[in-house]
Protein backbone atom coordinates (compact mmCIF):
# COMPACT_ATOMS: atom_id res chain seq x y z
CA MET A 1 61.27 -54.42 105.74
CA GLN A 2 62.80 -51.72 103.56
CA LYS A 3 64.10 -52.87 100.22
CA LEU A 4 67.66 -51.79 99.48
CA THR A 5 68.84 -50.43 96.15
CA LEU A 6 72.03 -51.71 94.37
CA PRO A 7 74.09 -48.70 95.52
CA ALA A 8 72.98 -49.24 99.17
CA VAL A 9 73.83 -52.96 98.95
CA ALA A 10 77.28 -52.20 97.59
CA LEU A 11 77.79 -49.76 100.40
CA VAL A 12 76.75 -52.26 103.08
CA LEU A 13 79.07 -54.87 101.49
CA LEU A 14 81.83 -52.41 101.38
CA SER A 15 81.33 -51.33 105.01
CA SER A 16 80.65 -54.70 106.37
CA ALA A 17 82.89 -57.10 104.39
CA CYS A 18 85.59 -54.64 103.51
CA VAL A 19 85.05 -55.25 99.76
CA LYS A 20 87.94 -54.20 97.69
CA LYS A 21 87.56 -50.82 95.94
CA SER A 22 88.23 -52.36 92.51
CA GLU A 23 85.43 -54.84 93.03
CA PHE A 24 83.07 -52.14 94.18
CA GLU A 25 83.77 -50.09 91.03
CA ALA A 26 83.16 -53.15 88.89
CA LEU A 27 79.80 -53.75 90.61
CA LYS A 28 78.94 -50.07 90.26
CA ALA A 29 79.80 -50.06 86.54
CA GLN A 30 77.80 -53.19 86.09
CA SER A 31 74.77 -51.63 87.91
CA ALA A 32 75.04 -48.52 85.72
CA ALA A 33 75.16 -50.57 82.56
CA GLN A 34 72.08 -52.58 83.64
CA GLN A 35 70.20 -49.37 84.38
CA LYS A 36 71.18 -47.90 81.00
CA THR A 37 69.97 -51.05 79.26
CA LEU A 38 66.68 -50.87 81.03
CA GLU A 39 66.25 -47.23 80.14
CA ASP A 40 67.18 -47.93 76.49
CA SER A 41 64.65 -50.80 76.56
CA LEU A 42 61.97 -48.64 78.02
CA THR A 43 62.63 -45.86 75.43
CA SER A 44 62.45 -48.47 72.60
CA GLU A 45 59.23 -49.89 73.88
CA ARG A 46 57.73 -46.32 74.13
CA GLU A 47 58.86 -45.55 70.54
CA HIS A 48 57.45 -48.82 69.42
CA ALA A 49 54.13 -48.14 71.19
CA ALA A 50 53.99 -44.68 69.59
CA SER A 51 54.66 -46.14 66.10
CA LEU A 52 51.90 -48.70 66.69
CA ASP A 53 49.65 -45.91 67.83
CA ALA A 54 50.39 -43.90 64.63
CA ALA A 55 49.92 -46.97 62.44
CA LEU A 56 46.54 -47.57 64.15
CA LYS A 57 45.44 -44.04 63.58
CA SER A 58 46.51 -44.27 59.93
CA GLU A 59 44.62 -47.46 59.40
CA GLN A 60 41.60 -45.93 61.13
CA ALA A 61 41.81 -42.99 58.75
CA LYS A 62 42.17 -45.29 55.79
CA SER A 63 39.15 -47.33 57.01
CA ALA A 64 37.03 -44.14 57.32
CA SER A 65 38.13 -43.02 53.82
CA GLN A 66 37.13 -46.48 52.41
CA ALA A 67 33.91 -46.29 54.12
CA GLU A 68 33.20 -42.86 52.54
CA GLU A 69 34.23 -44.25 49.10
CA ILE A 70 31.93 -47.28 49.64
CA THR A 71 29.06 -44.88 50.51
CA ARG A 72 29.75 -42.81 47.31
CA LEU A 73 29.98 -45.88 45.08
CA GLN A 74 26.69 -47.30 46.55
CA SER A 75 25.11 -43.91 45.78
CA ASP A 76 26.44 -43.94 42.17
CA LEU A 77 25.28 -47.56 41.90
CA ASP A 78 21.68 -46.61 43.17
CA ALA A 79 21.53 -43.77 40.72
CA ALA A 80 22.61 -45.94 37.84
CA GLN A 81 20.05 -48.57 38.69
CA LYS A 82 17.37 -45.87 38.85
CA LYS A 83 18.50 -44.51 35.47
CA ILE A 84 18.41 -47.95 34.02
CA SER A 85 15.00 -48.49 35.37
CA GLU A 86 13.81 -45.29 33.79
CA MET A 87 15.40 -46.19 30.48
CA VAL A 88 13.77 -49.54 30.49
CA GLY A 89 10.45 -47.97 31.41
CA ASP A 90 10.90 -45.54 28.59
CA SER A 91 11.90 -48.10 26.00
CA SER A 92 8.52 -48.43 24.65
CA LYS A 93 8.29 -44.60 24.16
CA LEU A 94 11.79 -44.65 22.58
CA LYS A 95 10.76 -47.39 20.24
CA SER A 96 7.55 -45.41 19.29
CA SER A 97 9.58 -42.29 18.73
CA ILE A 98 12.03 -44.06 16.46
CA GLN A 99 9.11 -45.64 14.45
CA GLU A 100 7.59 -42.10 14.11
CA MET A 101 10.91 -40.62 12.84
CA GLN A 102 11.33 -43.54 10.41
CA ALA A 103 7.80 -42.98 9.19
CA ALA A 104 8.53 -39.22 8.76
CA LEU A 105 11.70 -39.98 6.95
CA ALA A 106 9.95 -42.36 4.60
CA ALA A 107 7.31 -39.73 3.89
CA LEU A 108 9.97 -37.10 3.15
CA ASN A 109 11.80 -39.52 0.78
CA GLU A 110 8.48 -40.21 -0.95
CA GLN A 111 7.74 -36.50 -1.23
CA LYS A 112 11.17 -35.88 -2.64
CA ARG A 113 10.73 -38.69 -5.15
CA GLN A 114 7.40 -37.15 -6.30
CA THR A 115 8.92 -33.73 -6.44
CA ASP A 116 11.84 -34.99 -8.58
CA ALA A 117 9.34 -36.83 -10.90
CA ARG A 118 7.32 -33.56 -11.32
CA ILE A 119 10.51 -31.70 -12.12
CA ALA A 120 11.59 -34.27 -14.69
CA GLU A 121 8.04 -34.11 -16.18
CA TYR A 122 8.15 -30.34 -16.39
CA ARG A 123 11.59 -30.34 -18.03
CA LYS A 124 10.53 -32.90 -20.60
CA LEU A 125 7.42 -30.80 -21.34
CA LEU A 126 9.43 -27.59 -21.51
CA ALA A 127 11.82 -29.22 -24.01
CA SER A 128 8.81 -30.31 -26.12
CA PHE A 129 7.46 -26.74 -26.19
CA GLN A 130 10.89 -25.17 -26.95
CA ALA A 131 10.28 -24.62 -30.61
CA LEU A 132 6.95 -22.83 -29.92
CA ILE A 133 8.66 -20.83 -27.13
CA ASP A 134 11.42 -19.76 -29.42
CA ALA A 135 8.90 -18.77 -32.13
CA GLY A 136 7.18 -16.41 -29.57
CA LYS A 137 3.90 -18.33 -29.77
CA LEU A 138 3.71 -19.20 -26.10
CA LYS A 139 5.40 -19.09 -22.64
CA VAL A 140 5.78 -21.84 -20.08
CA LYS A 141 5.76 -21.06 -16.44
CA VAL A 142 5.24 -22.63 -12.94
CA VAL A 143 2.94 -20.86 -10.55
CA ASN A 144 2.07 -22.25 -7.18
CA GLY A 145 3.21 -25.79 -8.17
CA ARG A 146 1.16 -25.75 -11.41
CA MET A 147 2.80 -25.75 -14.86
CA ILE A 148 1.17 -23.28 -17.12
CA VAL A 149 1.24 -22.86 -20.97
CA GLU A 150 0.41 -19.20 -21.61
CA LEU A 151 -0.76 -18.02 -25.05
CA PRO A 152 -1.64 -14.37 -25.89
CA SER A 153 -5.33 -14.00 -26.81
CA ASP A 154 -4.44 -11.41 -29.50
CA VAL A 155 -2.74 -14.08 -31.53
CA LEU A 156 -5.52 -16.58 -31.19
CA PHE A 157 -8.65 -14.33 -31.38
CA ALA A 158 -9.79 -11.13 -33.11
CA SER A 159 -10.90 -8.30 -30.63
CA GLY A 160 -14.20 -9.20 -28.89
CA SER A 161 -14.36 -12.73 -30.66
CA ILE A 162 -14.25 -16.22 -29.55
CA ASP A 163 -13.47 -17.70 -33.07
CA LEU A 164 -10.01 -18.97 -33.31
CA SER A 165 -7.82 -17.79 -36.16
CA GLU A 166 -6.36 -20.27 -38.44
CA ALA A 167 -2.87 -19.67 -37.09
CA GLY A 168 -4.46 -20.06 -33.63
CA LYS A 169 -6.08 -23.37 -34.48
CA ALA A 170 -2.64 -24.61 -35.79
CA SER A 171 -0.86 -23.56 -32.60
CA ILE A 172 -3.47 -25.16 -30.23
CA SER A 173 -3.39 -28.36 -32.38
CA GLU A 174 0.41 -28.54 -32.04
CA ILE A 175 0.09 -27.96 -28.29
CA GLY A 176 -2.49 -30.80 -28.08
CA SER A 177 -0.14 -33.22 -29.98
CA ILE A 178 2.59 -32.48 -27.38
CA LEU A 179 0.19 -32.94 -24.52
CA ALA A 180 -1.42 -36.19 -25.90
CA PRO A 181 1.11 -38.65 -24.33
CA MET A 182 0.09 -37.23 -20.93
CA SER A 183 -3.70 -38.11 -21.45
CA ASP A 184 -3.70 -39.56 -17.97
CA ARG A 185 -3.34 -36.04 -16.55
CA GLN A 186 -5.92 -33.33 -16.30
CA PHE A 187 -5.65 -29.93 -18.12
CA GLN A 188 -7.75 -26.90 -17.49
CA VAL A 189 -7.95 -24.14 -20.04
CA GLU A 190 -8.39 -20.72 -18.36
CA GLY A 191 -9.59 -17.60 -20.15
CA HIS A 192 -8.45 -14.12 -19.01
CA THR A 193 -9.33 -10.66 -20.29
CA ASP A 194 -8.18 -7.12 -19.45
CA ASP A 195 -10.24 -4.78 -17.50
CA GLN A 196 -11.94 -3.08 -20.41
CA PRO A 197 -15.69 -3.82 -20.06
CA ILE A 198 -17.67 -5.61 -22.79
CA LYS A 199 -21.47 -5.63 -22.95
CA THR A 200 -23.04 -7.24 -26.05
CA SER A 201 -26.03 -9.51 -26.54
CA ARG A 202 -23.59 -12.35 -26.98
CA PHE A 203 -21.11 -11.39 -24.26
CA PRO A 204 -22.80 -9.57 -21.36
CA SER A 205 -19.43 -9.30 -19.50
CA ASN A 206 -15.81 -10.38 -19.79
CA TRP A 207 -16.63 -13.58 -17.94
CA TRP A 208 -18.64 -14.64 -21.05
CA LEU A 209 -15.87 -13.63 -23.41
CA ALA A 210 -13.18 -15.35 -21.36
CA SER A 211 -15.28 -18.59 -20.98
CA GLY A 212 -16.20 -18.70 -24.69
CA ARG A 213 -12.48 -18.45 -25.59
CA ALA A 214 -11.47 -21.12 -23.14
CA ILE A 215 -14.19 -23.50 -24.45
CA ALA A 216 -13.02 -22.94 -28.06
CA VAL A 217 -9.35 -23.84 -27.14
CA ALA A 218 -10.61 -26.90 -25.13
CA GLU A 219 -12.41 -28.13 -28.22
CA ILE A 220 -9.32 -27.89 -30.40
CA LEU A 221 -7.30 -29.75 -27.76
CA ILE A 222 -9.83 -32.58 -27.71
CA LYS A 223 -9.69 -32.79 -31.53
CA ALA A 224 -5.90 -33.02 -31.38
CA ALA A 225 -6.22 -36.27 -29.37
CA LEU A 226 -6.69 -35.32 -25.77
CA PRO A 227 -9.70 -37.29 -24.20
CA PRO A 228 -12.60 -35.01 -23.23
CA THR A 229 -12.52 -36.40 -19.68
CA SER A 230 -8.98 -34.80 -19.23
CA VAL A 231 -9.87 -31.37 -20.41
CA SER A 232 -11.97 -28.59 -18.63
CA ALA A 233 -12.60 -24.95 -19.32
CA ALA A 234 -12.71 -22.01 -16.86
CA SER A 235 -13.16 -18.17 -16.92
CA PHE A 236 -11.53 -15.63 -14.70
CA GLY A 237 -12.56 -12.64 -16.73
CA GLU A 238 -10.46 -9.62 -15.73
CA PHE A 239 -9.93 -10.68 -12.17
CA ARG A 240 -6.51 -12.32 -12.43
CA PRO A 241 -4.31 -9.87 -14.19
CA ILE A 242 -0.60 -10.70 -14.38
CA THR A 243 0.34 -6.96 -14.79
CA SER A 244 -1.25 -3.54 -14.69
CA ASN A 245 -4.05 -2.54 -17.03
CA ALA A 246 -2.97 1.07 -17.02
CA THR A 247 -1.17 0.71 -20.48
CA PRO A 248 -1.99 -0.90 -23.78
CA PRO A 249 0.96 -3.38 -23.47
CA GLY A 250 -0.19 -4.32 -20.06
CA ARG A 251 -3.76 -4.96 -21.08
CA ALA A 252 -2.43 -7.02 -24.01
CA GLN A 253 -0.51 -9.25 -21.51
CA ASN A 254 -3.63 -9.75 -19.42
CA ARG A 255 -5.64 -10.99 -22.39
CA ARG A 256 -4.45 -14.49 -22.48
CA ILE A 257 -5.27 -18.18 -22.48
CA GLU A 258 -3.62 -20.48 -20.02
CA ILE A 259 -3.49 -24.25 -20.30
CA VAL A 260 -2.78 -25.54 -16.79
CA LEU A 261 -1.39 -28.96 -16.01
CA VAL A 262 -3.52 -29.79 -12.96
CA PRO A 263 -1.60 -31.36 -10.09
CA ASP A 264 -2.56 -34.89 -9.27
CA LEU A 265 -3.73 -34.68 -5.61
CA SER A 266 -3.73 -38.40 -5.21
CA LYS A 267 0.09 -38.24 -5.25
CA VAL A 268 0.33 -35.54 -2.60
CA PRO A 269 1.46 -36.79 0.73
CA GLY A 270 -1.40 -37.03 3.16
CA PHE A 271 -4.06 -37.51 0.37
CA GLU A 272 -5.09 -40.90 1.71
CA ASP A 273 -5.90 -39.44 5.15
CA LEU A 274 -7.82 -36.54 3.36
CA ASP A 275 -9.71 -38.99 1.34
CA ARG A 276 -10.74 -41.09 4.33
CA ALA A 277 -11.83 -38.00 6.18
CA ALA A 278 -13.97 -36.93 3.24
CA LYS A 279 -15.62 -40.23 3.07
CA GLN A 280 -16.72 -40.30 6.79
């Protein structure tokens, strides 16, 4: 059986029952309103479905973004844990490195303390010799970390002689008195000549002349109160000039006696290691 639509029903009613025209129009308007309501409802449902679909896609995109963020954070966490493990594994190395740096710093501080002590000692000694320096009897200098008291040989000795003059003996005695408070240190008296050769029965070469003069000065220093165990004598002959021998003034400067304050190696950093190595 064929299903009739509302307009068809109305037409049948109108034709069969002679429905009034006003009633027909009312039914027709009611039918149109119902159809409009149904269409509006369908449109609303479609819009709602589209809104839900958009919201679903948005949530899906947000979920994908969160998944990427979780993956990134997990990667960062893994990297951080690996770094921590490496740091923990290297902690012993780091501790050892810190200890080495602390030891090096302590050694440097000790080295500075010893350097400052030597500087103070040199300044004190320089002040003690100031009167003799001002009188032109000697010079004080520092060469290669050694403090040296330099005296011209011509003031102390006659040419070709190792016998000290009276003025020379007095100067050396005065120097000995100044050095006496430092009797725990070592002093080396060094003899130097110019390059003019000497050849006598007593002095076959400048080595002999320079050594004789150094010994003569050492003996006076010992008489002035320095212990014999702290004084030594050495000869360099003409082989350590301080200036050219080409002129008489230059040769006069090279003829000299030097009293050297010998550095105390036991206070030099690393001496203990050197001492142990020498005893093996």
